[in-house]
C-alpha cells in the first residue's frame, strides 16, 4: 500500500498539514455529533454552519499553500504558519 505513495514528496511540513486537515475534519465531525451547530450569518452573505466555515477555511489554506510554493522559495513551515493564521480568520473572526 505504501508503495503506491512513493511518487509523492512528503516533507515534514506536508505531513503536518495533512494531519492537521484530517484532525480538523475528525474534530468537526465529533463536535457536530456532540454539539450540533446552528447556522450564523457572519462575513459571508449567507448563513453558514460550523462545518461550512471549516470547509471554506481548508480551501483557503490549500490555496495559500499552493500560491506560497509557486511564488516563493521560503521554507514550507513559513507558508504553513501563514496558512494557519489565515485559517483562523473565517472560523473565529467571521464565524
C-alpha atoms as a PDB file:
ATOM      1  CA  UNK A   1       0.000   0.000   0.000  1.00  0.00           C
ATOM      2  CA  UNK A   2       2.770   2.454   0.881  1.00  0.00           C
ATOM      3  CA  UNK A   3       4.474   1.712  -2.455  1.00  0.00           C
ATOM      4  CA  UNK A   4       1.531   3.473  -4.122  1.00  0.00           C
ATOM      5  CA  UNK A   5       2.588   6.699  -2.390  1.00  0.00           C
ATOM      6  CA  UNK A   6       6.241   6.606  -3.496  1.00  0.00           C
ATOM      7  CA  UNK A   7       5.603   9.203  -6.207  1.00  0.00           C
ATOM      8  CA  UNK A   8       4.615  11.780  -3.565  1.00  0.00           C
ATOM      9  CA  UNK A   9       7.180  14.017  -1.943  1.00  0.00           C
ATOM     10  CA  UNK A  10       6.317  14.099   1.753  1.00  0.00           C
ATOM     11  CA  UNK A  11       8.202  16.772   3.631  1.00  0.00           C
ATOM     12  CA  UNK A  12       7.633  17.307   7.327  1.00  0.00           C
ATOM     13  CA  UNK A  13       5.508  20.381   6.608  1.00  0.00           C
ATOM     14  CA  UNK A  14       3.373  18.407   4.147  1.00  0.00           C
ATOM     15  CA  UNK A  15       2.790  15.698   6.724  1.00  0.00           C
ATOM     16  CA  UNK A  16       1.900  18.257   9.399  1.00  0.00           C
ATOM     17  CA  UNK A  17      -0.531  19.936   7.010  1.00  0.00           C
ATOM     18  CA  UNK A  18      -2.187  16.650   6.024  1.00  0.00           C
ATOM     19  CA  UNK A  19      -2.510  15.591   9.661  1.00  0.00           C
ATOM     20  CA  UNK A  20      -3.953  18.999  10.583  1.00  0.00           C
ATOM     21  CA  UNK A  21      -6.583  18.722   7.832  1.00  0.00           C
ATOM     22  CA  UNK A  22      -7.513  15.208   8.892  1.00  0.00           C
ATOM     23  CA  UNK A  23      -7.616  16.178  12.579  1.00  0.00           C
ATOM     24  CA  UNK A  24      -9.830  19.186  11.877  1.00  0.00           C
ATOM     25  CA  UNK A  25     -12.272  17.058   9.866  1.00  0.00           C
ATOM     26  CA  UNK A  26     -12.440  14.464  12.645  1.00  0.00           C
ATOM     27  CA  UNK A  27     -12.859  17.182  15.282  1.00  0.00           C
ATOM     28  CA  UNK A  28     -15.681  18.855  13.337  1.00  0.00           C
ATOM     29  CA  UNK A  29     -17.443  15.518  12.878  1.00  0.00           C
ATOM     30  CA  UNK A  30     -17.229  14.670  16.581  1.00  0.00           C
ATOM     31  CA  UNK A  31     -18.241  18.206  17.555  1.00  0.00           C
ATOM     32  CA  UNK A  32     -21.240  18.105  15.192  1.00  0.00           C
ATOM     33  CA  UNK A  33     -22.411  14.891  16.821  1.00  0.00           C
ATOM     34  CA  UNK A  34     -21.935  16.147  20.391  1.00  0.00           C
ATOM     35  CA  UNK A  35     -22.966  19.795  19.920  1.00  0.00           C
ATOM     36  CA  UNK A  36     -24.982  20.439  16.728  1.00  0.00           C
ATOM     37  CA  UNK A  37     -24.181  23.729  15.021  1.00  0.00           C
ATOM     38  CA  UNK A  38     -26.687  26.471  14.307  1.00  0.00           C
ATOM     39  CA  UNK A  39     -26.138  28.471  11.121  1.00  0.00           C
ATOM     40  CA  UNK A  40     -24.988  32.056  11.675  1.00  0.00           C
ATOM     41  CA  UNK A  41     -24.551  34.977   9.343  1.00  0.00           C
ATOM     42  CA  UNK A  42     -21.052  36.389   9.505  1.00  0.00           C
ATOM     43  CA  UNK A  43     -18.779  37.784   6.817  1.00  0.00           C
ATOM     44  CA  UNK A  44     -20.379  35.764   4.050  1.00  0.00           C
ATOM     45  CA  UNK A  45     -23.766  36.973   2.775  1.00  0.00           C
ATOM     46  CA  UNK A  46     -25.369  33.659   3.692  1.00  0.00           C
ATOM     47  CA  UNK A  47     -25.826  31.722   6.903  1.00  0.00           C
ATOM     48  CA  UNK A  48     -23.019  29.210   7.434  1.00  0.00           C
ATOM     49  CA  UNK A  49     -22.699  26.354   9.899  1.00  0.00           C
ATOM     50  CA  UNK A  50     -19.502  25.391  11.679  1.00  0.00           C
ATOM     51  CA  UNK A  51     -18.659  22.760   9.052  1.00  0.00           C
ATOM     52  CA  UNK A  52     -19.156  25.253   6.222  1.00  0.00           C
ATOM     53  CA  UNK A  53     -16.692  27.665   7.797  1.00  0.00           C
ATOM     54  CA  UNK A  54     -14.146  24.881   8.330  1.00  0.00           C
ATOM     55  CA  UNK A  55     -14.529  23.773   4.698  1.00  0.00           C
ATOM     56  CA  UNK A  56     -14.059  27.336   3.421  1.00  0.00           C
ATOM     57  CA  UNK A  57     -11.025  27.722   5.666  1.00  0.00           C
ATOM     58  CA  UNK A  58      -9.468  24.486   4.408  1.00  0.00           C
ATOM     59  CA  UNK A  59      -9.960  25.527   0.783  1.00  0.00           C
ATOM     60  CA  UNK A  60      -8.349  28.885   1.520  1.00  0.00           C
ATOM     61  CA  UNK A  61      -5.473  27.251   3.369  1.00  0.00           C
ATOM     62  CA  UNK A  62      -4.805  24.913   0.468  1.00  0.00           C
ATOM     63  CA  UNK A  63      -4.829  27.848  -1.932  1.00  0.00           C
ATOM     64  CA  UNK A  64      -2.390  29.782   0.259  1.00  0.00           C
ATOM     65  CA  UNK A  65      -0.036  26.790   0.370  1.00  0.00           C
ATOM     66  CA  UNK A  66      -0.115  26.306  -3.411  1.00  0.00           C
ATOM     67  CA  UNK A  67       0.476  30.009  -4.078  1.00  0.00           C
ATOM     68  CA  UNK A  68       3.244  30.063  -1.464  1.00  0.00           C
ATOM     69  CA  UNK A  69       5.048  27.139  -3.077  1.00  0.00           C
ATOM     70  CA  UNK A  70       4.721  28.596  -6.567  1.00  0.00           C
ATOM     71  CA  UNK A  71       5.740  32.177  -5.742  1.00  0.00           C
ATOM     72  CA  UNK A  72       8.421  31.813  -3.063  1.00  0.00           C
ATOM     73  CA  UNK A  73      11.496  29.799  -2.207  1.00  0.00           C
ATOM     74  CA  UNK A  74      10.984  30.162   1.531  1.00  0.00           C
ATOM     75  CA  UNK A  75      10.731  27.036   3.705  1.00  0.00           C
ATOM     76  CA  UNK A  76       7.304  25.401   3.836  1.00  0.00           C
ATOM     77  CA  UNK A  77       6.865  25.938   7.609  1.00  0.00           C
ATOM     78  CA  UNK A  78       6.682  29.681   6.869  1.00  0.00           C
ATOM     79  CA  UNK A  79       3.829  29.092   4.418  1.00  0.00           C
ATOM     80  CA  UNK A  80       2.168  26.720   6.841  1.00  0.00           C
ATOM     81  CA  UNK A  81       2.282  29.378   9.549  1.00  0.00           C
ATOM     82  CA  UNK A  82       0.720  31.964   7.234  1.00  0.00           C
ATOM     83  CA  UNK A  83      -1.929  29.468   6.137  1.00  0.00           C
ATOM     84  CA  UNK A  84      -2.843  28.522   9.714  1.00  0.00           C
ATOM     85  CA  UNK A  85      -3.157  32.183  10.694  1.00  0.00           C
ATOM     86  CA  UNK A  86      -5.444  32.777   7.711  1.00  0.00           C
ATOM     87  CA  UNK A  87      -7.375  29.612   8.595  1.00  0.00           C
ATOM     88  CA  UNK A  88      -8.392  31.190  11.876  1.00  0.00           C
ATOM     89  CA  UNK A  89      -9.993  34.248  10.274  1.00  0.00           C
ATOM     90  CA  UNK A  90     -13.188  32.649   8.852  1.00  0.00           C
ATOM     91  CA  UNK A  91     -13.544  30.399  11.865  1.00  0.00           C
ATOM     92  CA  UNK A  92     -13.041  32.904  14.679  1.00  0.00           C
ATOM     93  CA  UNK A  93     -13.499  36.408  13.297  1.00  0.00           C
ATOM     94  CA  UNK A  94     -16.307  35.924  10.801  1.00  0.00           C
ATOM     95  CA  UNK A  95     -17.999  32.945  12.384  1.00  0.00           C
END
